[in-house]
Amino acid sequence: MDPSSLKRRLTCILAADAVGYSKMMGQDEEGTIQVLSAHRAVIDGIIAFHQGRIVSTAGDSVLAEFSSAVEAVRCAVEIQEALKTRNDSLPEHRKMHFRIGVNLGDVVVKNDDLLGDGVNVAARLETMAESGGICISSSVYDQITGKLDLGFHDIGEQTLKNISRPIRVYRVSGTSLPLRLPVAAAVPPLASPSTAPGRFPWAVATVATLVVGVALAWQGGWVRFGGENDVARVPTAVEPAMAVVSAPALQVSAAPSGVSASVARPLAQPEPARTRDTTAASRPAKPVVLAQAAAMDPVAPTPAVRAVPEPKVQPQKPVPTPPAIRAGFDGVWRVTVECPRHEDGAAGYTVELQAEVKDGALRGEIGTEGNPGWLLVRGDIQADGSALFHAKGLTADPKFSVKGVRKGSPYAYQVVAQFDGGRGTGRRQELRACVLTFVRQ
């Protein structure tokens, strides 16, 4: 072949591979295949969402290309985050982690395949990544630095197998998203950095304010300690808000003659210090520490005090969340179901059906319910384009059925899909890796 006739292009390659796949297959084949199918559905949907193209797949590996290094790295990060969420819901022996490598380089184009040094570097970077991690080359780092809020760890120049030159490699150490910070990290630091955690400085300040307030009230003659009927109840530390906060909420009507207008002021703003008069007749009326304080003193002239009743707190009814605006996907869609030949010998097939989407709800059907070959697909498309569909039907010719089940046998599976504008891509999650394509008519 004439080298000048080869087609080349600069592209960004993402290589992903499952960790410990062979060992998992040796322990539980069917369970491992189910987990891999579900993970692959997520991976393929995220790649499609970021305008990537899957070049090839071989068992537990995926090779995809992107025209943008930024989108390729975004895709890699979202894949690892999505798989972590899925793995968190699985038992330990069913968890499946992936390693990802990303490289920007020149590749050779042969039909739909990509060959050459650029692809090989991405594959080698994937092997250097940690389980659940991502490694990128310096060519990718140079394109995305300053454009993505990520952390990077420079692990230096590395000698990669069958690569003639050393490659500088960076590990992606994670994102910096405020929503993932612990709640405590989002709280501003206390005014005094020397305060030990857990000492509740606000409680100390409240008690100190209460003590000073009571002392001023006692000095001004507003609170007396004596007989049972001659003592205004002093709030304890359990009810600090009643002494300081509740006082301004009281409404005091016009004071009787001889009662100073300053009496109506809240305890938080006491009058300047004055000489205490020990006679009951000349002593100014006490401001109300609690609503019944003035009424408990039978000697002092009592201003007309009316406590404003606290409003009854009605239980809050949950506000219904408005439905997501999903009308952008409404219309008629052509759905193509492509199932490749299965490893047990079941023949591959392609089925097309028409579906209608109304208010984000998709429903498509082919055949007649109760008869072999019937298929029903339905589910909701969310506002962000993600979707989970439920499919059920009756098998047709046994040659297309896995394990050769008889004609007319019922089956059901789920489809994870992602829509963008007038197109959508989904993948069957159970047993057989079928791909569903959605095109708006």
Protein backbone atom coordinates (compact mmCIF):
# COMPACT_ATOMS: atom_id res chain seq x y z
CA MET A 1 0.00 0.00 0.00
CA ASP A 2 1.26 3.43 -0.92
CA PRO A 3 1.91 5.37 2.31
CA SER A 4 0.78 8.57 0.63
CA SER A 5 -2.69 7.07 0.16
CA LEU A 6 -3.22 6.53 3.88
CA LYS A 7 -5.71 8.83 5.52
CA ARG A 8 -4.59 10.43 8.73
CA ARG A 9 -6.19 12.79 11.21
CA LEU A 10 -5.51 14.32 14.59
CA THR A 11 -8.00 13.05 17.13
CA CYS A 12 -8.42 12.41 20.85
CA ILE A 13 -8.58 8.75 21.83
CA LEU A 14 -10.23 7.38 24.98
CA ALA A 15 -9.36 3.80 25.96
CA ALA A 16 -11.23 2.09 28.80
CA ASP A 17 -10.85 -1.40 30.22
CA ALA A 18 -12.43 -3.33 33.10
CA VAL A 19 -10.18 -4.25 36.03
CA GLY A 20 -10.01 -7.96 36.92
CA TYR A 21 -12.56 -8.96 34.30
CA SER A 22 -11.10 -12.43 33.64
CA LYS A 23 -11.08 -13.26 37.35
CA MET A 24 -14.70 -12.14 37.73
CA MET A 25 -15.72 -14.25 34.73
CA GLY A 26 -14.06 -17.29 36.31
CA GLN A 27 -16.08 -16.79 39.50
CA ASP A 28 -19.49 -15.87 38.06
CA GLU A 29 -19.94 -15.70 34.30
CA GLU A 30 -23.61 -14.74 34.11
CA GLY A 31 -23.42 -12.19 36.91
CA THR A 32 -20.29 -10.61 35.42
CA ILE A 33 -21.89 -10.34 31.98
CA GLN A 34 -24.95 -8.65 33.49
CA VAL A 35 -22.83 -6.11 35.36
CA LEU A 36 -20.66 -5.46 32.29
CA SER A 37 -23.75 -4.94 30.10
CA ALA A 38 -25.19 -2.44 32.57
CA HIS A 39 -21.86 -0.60 32.89
CA ARG A 40 -21.42 -0.55 29.12
CA ALA A 41 -24.87 0.95 28.66
CA VAL A 42 -23.83 3.81 30.94
CA ILE A 43 -20.44 4.23 29.24
CA ASP A 44 -21.88 4.21 25.72
CA GLY A 45 -24.59 6.71 26.66
CA ILE A 46 -22.06 9.15 28.16
CA ILE A 47 -19.76 8.84 25.13
CA ALA A 48 -22.67 9.63 22.81
CA PHE A 49 -23.67 12.58 24.99
CA HIS A 50 -20.20 14.10 24.58
CA GLN A 51 -20.25 13.65 20.79
CA GLY A 52 -17.81 10.77 20.88
CA ARG A 53 -17.69 7.84 18.47
CA ILE A 54 -17.11 4.27 19.62
CA VAL A 55 -14.40 2.87 17.37
CA SER A 56 -14.27 -0.68 18.66
CA THR A 57 -15.17 -2.88 21.60
CA ALA A 58 -13.60 -6.18 22.59
CA GLY A 59 -15.17 -7.92 25.55
CA ASP A 60 -14.50 -5.63 28.48
CA SER A 61 -12.70 -2.80 26.63
CA VAL A 62 -13.93 0.31 24.81
CA LEU A 63 -12.11 2.55 22.34
CA ALA A 64 -13.69 5.89 21.38
CA GLU A 65 -12.59 9.03 19.58
CA PHE A 66 -13.44 12.69 20.16
CA SER A 67 -12.80 15.81 18.12
CA SER A 68 -12.25 17.75 21.37
CA ALA A 69 -9.78 16.91 24.14
CA VAL A 70 -11.95 18.82 26.62
CA GLU A 71 -15.00 16.70 25.81
CA ALA A 72 -12.95 13.51 25.97
CA VAL A 73 -11.71 14.25 29.50
CA ARG A 74 -15.14 15.41 30.61
CA CYS A 75 -16.52 12.14 29.30
CA ALA A 76 -13.86 10.13 31.17
CA VAL A 77 -14.60 11.89 34.47
CA GLU A 78 -18.36 11.44 34.11
CA ILE A 79 -17.92 7.75 33.26
CA GLN A 80 -15.90 7.12 36.43
CA GLU A 81 -18.38 9.07 38.58
CA ALA A 82 -21.37 7.23 37.08
CA LEU A 83 -19.73 3.82 37.52
CA LYS A 84 -18.84 4.64 41.13
CA THR A 85 -22.50 5.40 41.81
CA ARG A 86 -23.52 2.09 40.21
CA ASN A 87 -20.85 0.12 42.08
CA ASP A 88 -21.93 1.60 45.42
CA SER A 89 -25.26 -0.20 45.01
CA LEU A 90 -23.67 -3.59 44.21
CA PRO A 91 -22.27 -6.21 46.58
CA GLU A 92 -18.48 -6.24 46.82
CA HIS A 93 -17.96 -9.30 44.61
CA ARG A 94 -20.10 -7.80 41.81
CA LYS A 95 -18.41 -4.40 41.65
CA MET A 96 -16.62 -3.73 38.37
CA HIS A 97 -14.12 -0.87 38.05
CA PHE A 98 -12.62 0.59 34.88
CA ARG A 99 -9.31 2.26 34.06
CA ILE A 100 -9.24 5.00 31.42
CA GLY A 101 -6.45 6.50 29.31
CA VAL A 102 -6.81 9.57 27.08
CA ASN A 103 -4.33 10.68 24.37
CA LEU A 104 -4.34 13.32 21.66
CA GLY A 105 -2.37 12.23 18.62
CA ASP A 106 -2.17 11.47 14.93
CA VAL A 107 -3.93 8.26 13.82
CA VAL A 108 -4.33 6.23 10.66
CA VAL A 109 -7.90 5.83 9.41
CA LYS A 110 -8.85 2.49 7.90
CA ASN A 111 -12.55 2.26 7.12
CA ASP A 112 -14.12 2.86 10.54
CA ASP A 113 -11.06 1.72 12.49
CA LEU A 114 -8.26 3.85 13.88
CA LEU A 115 -4.70 2.59 13.97
CA GLY A 116 -1.27 3.92 14.77
CA ASP A 117 0.83 5.43 17.51
CA GLY A 118 -1.91 7.74 18.85
CA VAL A 119 -4.17 4.77 19.62
CA ASN A 120 -1.37 2.71 21.16
CA VAL A 121 -0.39 5.50 23.55
CA ALA A 122 -4.00 5.78 24.81
CA ALA A 123 -4.06 2.01 25.42
CA ARG A 124 -0.79 2.17 27.38
CA LEU A 125 -2.01 5.10 29.45
CA GLU A 126 -5.07 3.08 30.42
CA THR A 127 -2.85 0.34 31.90
CA MET A 128 -1.05 2.95 34.03
CA ALA A 129 -4.27 4.31 35.54
CA GLU A 130 -5.43 3.19 38.94
CA SER A 131 -8.63 1.22 39.38
CA GLY A 132 -11.40 3.76 38.84
CA GLY A 133 -8.80 6.32 37.71
CA ILE A 134 -7.80 8.28 34.61
CA CYS A 135 -4.39 8.95 33.02
CA ILE A 136 -3.84 11.53 30.27
CA SER A 137 -0.84 12.41 28.12
CA SER A 138 0.86 15.80 28.10
CA SER A 139 -0.68 16.53 24.69
CA VAL A 140 -4.14 16.30 26.30
CA TYR A 141 -3.05 18.21 29.40
CA ASP A 142 -1.80 21.12 27.27
CA GLN A 143 -5.22 21.40 25.61
CA ILE A 144 -7.41 21.24 28.72
CA THR A 145 -5.36 23.11 31.33
CA GLY A 146 -7.30 26.10 32.59
CA LYS A 147 -10.50 24.87 30.92
CA LEU A 148 -11.63 22.16 33.35
CA ASP A 149 -11.89 22.37 37.12
CA LEU A 150 -9.86 19.23 37.76
CA GLY A 151 -6.83 18.22 39.78
CA PHE A 152 -3.78 16.73 38.08
CA HIS A 153 -0.75 14.84 39.37
CA ASP A 154 2.33 14.93 37.16
CA ILE A 155 3.98 11.50 37.39
CA GLY A 156 6.74 12.47 34.99
CA GLU A 157 7.95 11.00 31.71
CA GLN A 158 7.11 7.34 31.33
CA THR A 159 8.51 4.68 28.99
CA LEU A 160 5.52 2.94 27.47
CA LYS A 161 5.63 -0.49 25.91
CA ASN A 162 6.31 -0.40 22.14
CA ILE A 163 6.38 3.42 22.16
CA SER A 164 9.71 4.77 20.92
CA ARG A 165 9.70 8.01 22.92
CA PRO A 166 8.96 8.79 26.58
CA ILE A 167 5.52 10.26 27.28
CA ARG A 168 4.80 12.69 30.12
CA VAL A 169 1.78 11.37 32.01
CA TYR A 170 -0.71 13.07 34.33
CA ARG A 171 -3.17 11.41 36.67
CA VAL A 172 -6.55 13.12 37.01
CA SER A 173 -6.97 13.43 40.76
CA GLY A 174 -10.59 14.57 40.84
CA THR A 175 -12.96 17.50 40.52
CA SER A 176 -13.48 20.54 42.75
CA LEU A 177 -17.25 20.75 42.98
CA PRO A 178 -18.73 22.63 45.98
CA LEU A 179 -21.69 20.28 46.13
CA ARG A 180 -19.40 17.40 47.04
CA LEU A 181 -17.85 19.14 50.00
CA PRO A 182 -18.93 17.98 53.44
CA VAL A 183 -21.51 20.21 55.07
CA ALA A 184 -18.97 21.38 57.66
CA ALA A 185 -16.62 22.58 54.94
CA ALA A 186 -19.25 24.95 53.57
CA VAL A 187 -19.75 26.69 56.95
CA PRO A 188 -17.66 29.89 57.44
CA PRO A 189 -15.03 29.68 60.19
CA LEU A 190 -15.90 30.91 63.63
CA ALA A 191 -14.83 34.41 64.66
CA SER A 192 -12.27 33.04 67.12
CA PRO A 193 -9.99 30.47 65.48
CA SER A 194 -8.74 29.35 68.87
CA THR A 195 -12.11 27.98 69.90
CA ALA A 196 -11.97 24.21 70.02
CA PRO A 197 -14.48 22.38 67.79
CA GLY A 198 -17.67 21.33 69.52
CA ARG A 199 -17.51 23.97 72.35
CA PHE A 200 -20.56 25.94 71.10
CA PRO A 201 -19.23 29.53 71.45
CA TRP A 202 -22.69 30.88 70.67
CA ALA A 203 -24.01 29.30 73.87
CA VAL A 204 -21.26 30.94 75.94
CA ALA A 205 -22.05 34.35 74.41
CA THR A 206 -25.77 33.89 75.08
CA VAL A 207 -25.22 32.99 78.73
CA ALA A 208 -22.87 35.98 79.18
CA THR A 209 -25.46 38.33 77.68
CA LEU A 210 -28.13 36.86 79.96
CA VAL A 211 -25.99 37.34 83.09
CA VAL A 212 -25.21 40.98 82.21
CA GLY A 213 -28.88 41.65 81.45
CA VAL A 214 -30.04 40.18 84.75
CA ALA A 215 -27.38 42.16 86.65
CA LEU A 216 -28.52 45.42 85.06
CA ALA A 217 -32.14 44.56 85.72
CA TRP A 218 -31.36 43.83 89.38
CA GLN A 219 -29.33 47.03 89.73
CA GLY A 220 -32.12 49.11 88.24
CA GLY A 221 -34.67 47.48 90.51
CA TRP A 222 -36.41 45.69 87.75
CA VAL A 223 -35.89 42.25 89.26
CA ARG A 224 -36.14 41.58 93.01
CA PHE A 225 -35.26 38.44 94.90
CA GLY A 226 -37.49 37.88 97.88
CA GLY A 227 -40.80 36.21 98.67
CA GLU A 228 -42.47 33.81 96.32
CA ASN A 229 -44.93 36.43 95.12
CA ASP A 230 -42.41 39.21 94.80
CA VAL A 231 -39.88 37.68 92.44
CA ALA A 232 -39.92 37.96 88.69
CA ARG A 233 -38.89 34.61 87.27
CA VAL A 234 -35.44 34.88 85.72
CA PRO A 235 -35.01 32.78 82.63
CA THR A 236 -32.45 30.04 82.85
CA ALA A 237 -29.84 29.17 80.27
CA VAL A 238 -32.35 26.74 78.76
CA GLU A 239 -34.54 29.67 77.59
CA PRO A 240 -32.14 32.50 76.65
CA ALA A 241 -34.32 33.61 73.76
CA MET A 242 -37.21 34.49 76.10
CA ALA A 243 -35.14 37.08 78.01
CA VAL A 244 -33.61 38.86 75.06
CA VAL A 245 -35.68 38.09 72.03
CA SER A 246 -39.18 37.95 73.44
CA ALA A 247 -39.04 41.36 75.18
CA PRO A 248 -39.17 43.46 71.97
CA ALA A 249 -42.12 41.39 70.81
CA LEU A 250 -44.27 42.67 73.72
CA GLN A 251 -46.53 45.61 72.97
CA VAL A 252 -46.81 48.08 75.89
CA SER A 253 -49.80 50.43 75.89
CA ALA A 254 -49.68 53.99 77.24
CA ALA A 255 -48.02 53.89 80.65
CA PRO A 256 -49.87 55.26 83.70
CA SER A 257 -48.83 58.59 85.11
CA GLY A 258 -45.55 58.44 87.01
CA VAL A 259 -44.23 55.59 84.90
CA SER A 260 -41.22 56.50 82.81
CA ALA A 261 -41.47 55.88 79.08
CA SER A 262 -38.10 54.15 79.27
CA VAL A 263 -39.80 51.27 81.04
CA ALA A 264 -41.25 50.18 77.72
CA ARG A 265 -37.83 49.72 76.18
CA PRO A 266 -36.61 46.15 75.76
CA LEU A 267 -34.12 44.66 78.17
CA ALA A 268 -31.47 44.63 75.47
CA GLN A 269 -31.37 48.50 75.70
CA PRO A 270 -31.38 49.34 79.48
CA GLU A 271 -31.49 52.88 80.80
CA PRO A 272 -28.25 54.40 82.09
CA ALA A 273 -27.38 53.46 85.66
CA ARG A 274 -29.42 55.42 88.28
CA THR A 275 -29.63 55.56 92.04
CA ARG A 276 -31.81 52.75 93.28
CA ASP A 277 -34.91 53.89 95.22
CA THR A 278 -35.93 51.34 97.79
CA THR A 279 -39.49 52.64 98.24
CA ALA A 280 -42.10 50.81 96.30
CA ALA A 281 -44.01 54.02 95.43
CA SER A 282 -41.06 55.78 93.80
CA ARG A 283 -39.53 52.74 92.11
CA PRO A 284 -40.21 52.68 88.36
CA ALA A 285 -42.20 49.81 87.05
CA LYS A 286 -40.15 46.84 85.95
CA PRO A 287 -39.92 45.99 82.30
CA VAL A 288 -41.35 42.59 81.62
CA VAL A 289 -38.75 39.86 81.52
CA LEU A 290 -41.54 37.35 81.11
CA ALA A 291 -45.14 38.21 80.33
CA GLN A 292 -46.29 37.64 83.91
CA ALA A 293 -43.39 39.46 85.67
CA ALA A 294 -45.28 42.72 86.40
CA ALA A 295 -48.37 40.90 87.56
CA MET A 296 -46.32 38.98 90.14
CA ASP A 297 -45.29 42.23 91.93
CA PRO A 298 -48.29 43.41 94.04
CA VAL A 299 -46.53 46.65 95.13
CA ALA A 300 -45.12 48.29 92.05
CA PRO A 301 -47.41 50.20 89.69
CA THR A 302 -47.98 47.91 86.76
CA PRO A 303 -48.22 49.20 83.21
CA ALA A 304 -50.81 47.64 81.01
CA VAL A 305 -48.89 44.93 79.26
CA ARG A 306 -50.24 42.80 76.53
CA ALA A 307 -48.20 39.92 75.25
CA VAL A 308 -48.57 39.36 71.57
CA PRO A 309 -49.63 35.75 71.18
CA GLU A 310 -47.27 33.72 69.11
CA PRO A 311 -48.78 32.80 65.77
CA LYS A 312 -49.83 29.23 65.48
CA VAL A 313 -47.36 27.36 63.39
CA GLN A 314 -49.21 25.43 60.79
CA PRO A 315 -47.52 22.28 59.57
CA GLN A 316 -45.90 22.95 56.27
CA LYS A 317 -47.48 21.05 53.46
CA PRO A 318 -44.94 19.70 51.01
CA VAL A 319 -44.87 21.83 47.92
CA PRO A 320 -45.23 19.57 44.92
CA THR A 321 -42.26 19.75 42.63
CA PRO A 322 -43.36 20.97 39.23
CA PRO A 323 -42.88 18.34 36.53
CA ALA A 324 -39.77 18.69 34.41
CA ILE A 325 -40.28 20.49 31.15
CA ARG A 326 -39.82 17.66 28.68
CA ALA A 327 -42.02 18.83 25.82
CA GLY A 328 -38.90 19.34 23.69
CA PHE A 329 -38.84 15.60 23.01
CA ASP A 330 -42.52 15.29 22.07
CA GLY A 331 -43.32 13.91 18.66
CA VAL A 332 -43.06 10.73 16.60
CA TRP A 333 -39.83 8.74 16.74
CA ARG A 334 -38.47 5.80 14.75
CA VAL A 335 -36.94 3.22 17.09
CA THR A 336 -34.44 0.69 15.74
CA VAL A 337 -33.47 -2.29 17.89
CA GLU A 338 -30.24 -3.98 16.77
CA CYS A 339 -29.17 -7.17 18.52
CA PRO A 340 -25.90 -8.80 17.38
CA ARG A 341 -25.35 -12.52 17.15
CA HIS A 342 -25.07 -14.00 20.64
CA GLU A 343 -22.16 -16.17 21.75
CA ASP A 344 -24.53 -19.10 22.40
CA GLY A 345 -25.45 -19.17 18.71
CA ALA A 346 -28.63 -17.08 18.68
CA ALA A 347 -28.87 -15.18 15.40
CA GLY A 348 -28.72 -11.41 15.31
CA TYR A 349 -31.71 -9.36 14.24
CA THR A 350 -32.96 -5.80 13.63
CA VAL A 351 -36.45 -4.58 14.49
CA GLU A 352 -38.00 -1.19 13.74
CA LEU A 353 -41.04 0.28 15.43
CA GLN A 354 -42.70 3.65 15.71
CA ALA A 355 -43.01 5.39 19.06
CA GLU A 356 -44.83 8.52 20.21
CA VAL A 357 -43.56 10.86 22.92
CA LYS A 358 -46.06 13.05 24.75
CA ASP A 359 -45.08 15.21 27.74
CA GLY A 360 -41.81 13.30 27.84
CA ALA A 361 -43.45 9.85 28.05
CA LEU A 362 -42.44 7.47 25.24
CA ARG A 363 -44.55 4.53 24.09
CA GLY A 364 -43.74 2.33 21.10
CA GLU A 365 -45.22 -1.00 20.05
CA ILE A 366 -44.90 -3.54 17.27
CA GLY A 367 -47.05 -6.61 16.69
CA THR A 368 -50.15 -7.63 18.63
CA GLU A 369 -50.10 -8.17 22.35
CA GLY A 370 -50.36 -11.88 23.14
CA ASN A 371 -48.88 -13.00 19.82
CA PRO A 372 -45.24 -14.05 19.15
CA GLY A 373 -43.08 -11.15 17.96
CA TRP A 374 -44.94 -8.53 20.03
CA LEU A 375 -42.72 -5.83 21.61
CA LEU A 376 -43.68 -2.87 23.80
CA VAL A 377 -41.21 -0.15 24.85
CA ARG A 378 -42.22 2.66 27.19
CA GLY A 379 -40.74 5.04 29.76
CA ASP A 380 -40.02 8.69 30.52
CA ILE A 381 -37.41 11.03 29.02
CA GLN A 382 -36.10 13.47 31.61
CA ALA A 383 -35.44 17.16 30.99
CA ASP A 384 -31.68 16.51 30.66
CA GLY A 385 -32.25 13.87 27.97
CA SER A 386 -31.57 10.83 30.15
CA ALA A 387 -34.15 8.04 30.02
CA LEU A 388 -34.93 4.62 31.42
CA PHE A 389 -37.28 2.48 29.33
CA HIS A 390 -38.98 -0.81 30.14
CA ALA A 391 -39.41 -3.31 27.32
CA LYS A 392 -41.44 -6.50 27.27
CA GLY A 393 -42.64 -8.87 24.61
CA LEU A 394 -43.03 -12.42 23.33
CA THR A 395 -40.25 -14.24 21.46
CA ALA A 396 -40.62 -14.96 17.74
CA ASP A 397 -38.50 -17.53 15.89
CA PRO A 398 -36.39 -19.52 18.43
CA LYS A 399 -33.27 -19.08 16.27
CA PHE A 400 -33.16 -15.42 17.39
CA SER A 401 -33.63 -16.23 21.07
CA VAL A 402 -30.82 -16.69 23.56
CA LYS A 403 -30.71 -20.25 24.89
CA GLY A 404 -33.23 -21.22 22.21
CA VAL A 405 -36.36 -20.63 24.26
CA ARG A 406 -39.57 -21.67 22.58
CA LYS A 407 -41.64 -19.38 20.40
CA GLY A 408 -44.02 -17.09 22.28
CA SER A 409 -42.03 -17.09 25.54
CA PRO A 410 -42.34 -13.81 27.51
CA TYR A 411 -39.28 -11.64 28.14
CA ALA A 412 -38.54 -8.24 29.66
CA TYR A 413 -35.54 -5.93 29.97
CA GLN A 414 -34.57 -2.33 30.67
CA VAL A 415 -32.94 0.23 28.39
CA VAL A 416 -30.73 3.11 29.53
CA ALA A 417 -30.77 5.89 26.92
CA GLN A 418 -29.58 9.43 26.32
CA PHE A 419 -31.31 11.93 24.02
CA ASP A 420 -29.84 15.04 22.42
CA GLY A 421 -32.06 17.05 20.11
CA GLY A 422 -33.61 14.80 17.50
CA ARG A 423 -31.54 11.69 18.22
CA GLY A 424 -31.11 9.24 21.04
CA THR A 425 -29.05 6.14 21.80
CA GLY A 426 -29.80 3.39 24.28
CA ARG A 427 -28.50 -0.01 25.32
CA ARG A 428 -30.27 -3.05 26.63
CA GLN A 429 -29.04 -3.85 30.13
CA GLU A 430 -29.85 -7.53 30.57
CA LEU A 431 -28.22 -10.59 28.99
CA ARG A 432 -27.83 -9.35 25.43
CA ALA A 433 -25.98 -6.20 24.32
CA CYS A 434 -28.62 -4.78 21.99
CA VAL A 435 -28.43 -1.15 20.86
CA LEU A 436 -31.50 1.04 20.41
CA THR A 437 -31.42 4.10 18.14
CA PHE A 438 -34.08 6.82 18.32
CA VAL A 439 -34.63 9.28 15.44
CA ARG A 440 -37.33 11.96 15.47
CA GLN A 441 -39.53 11.86 12.37
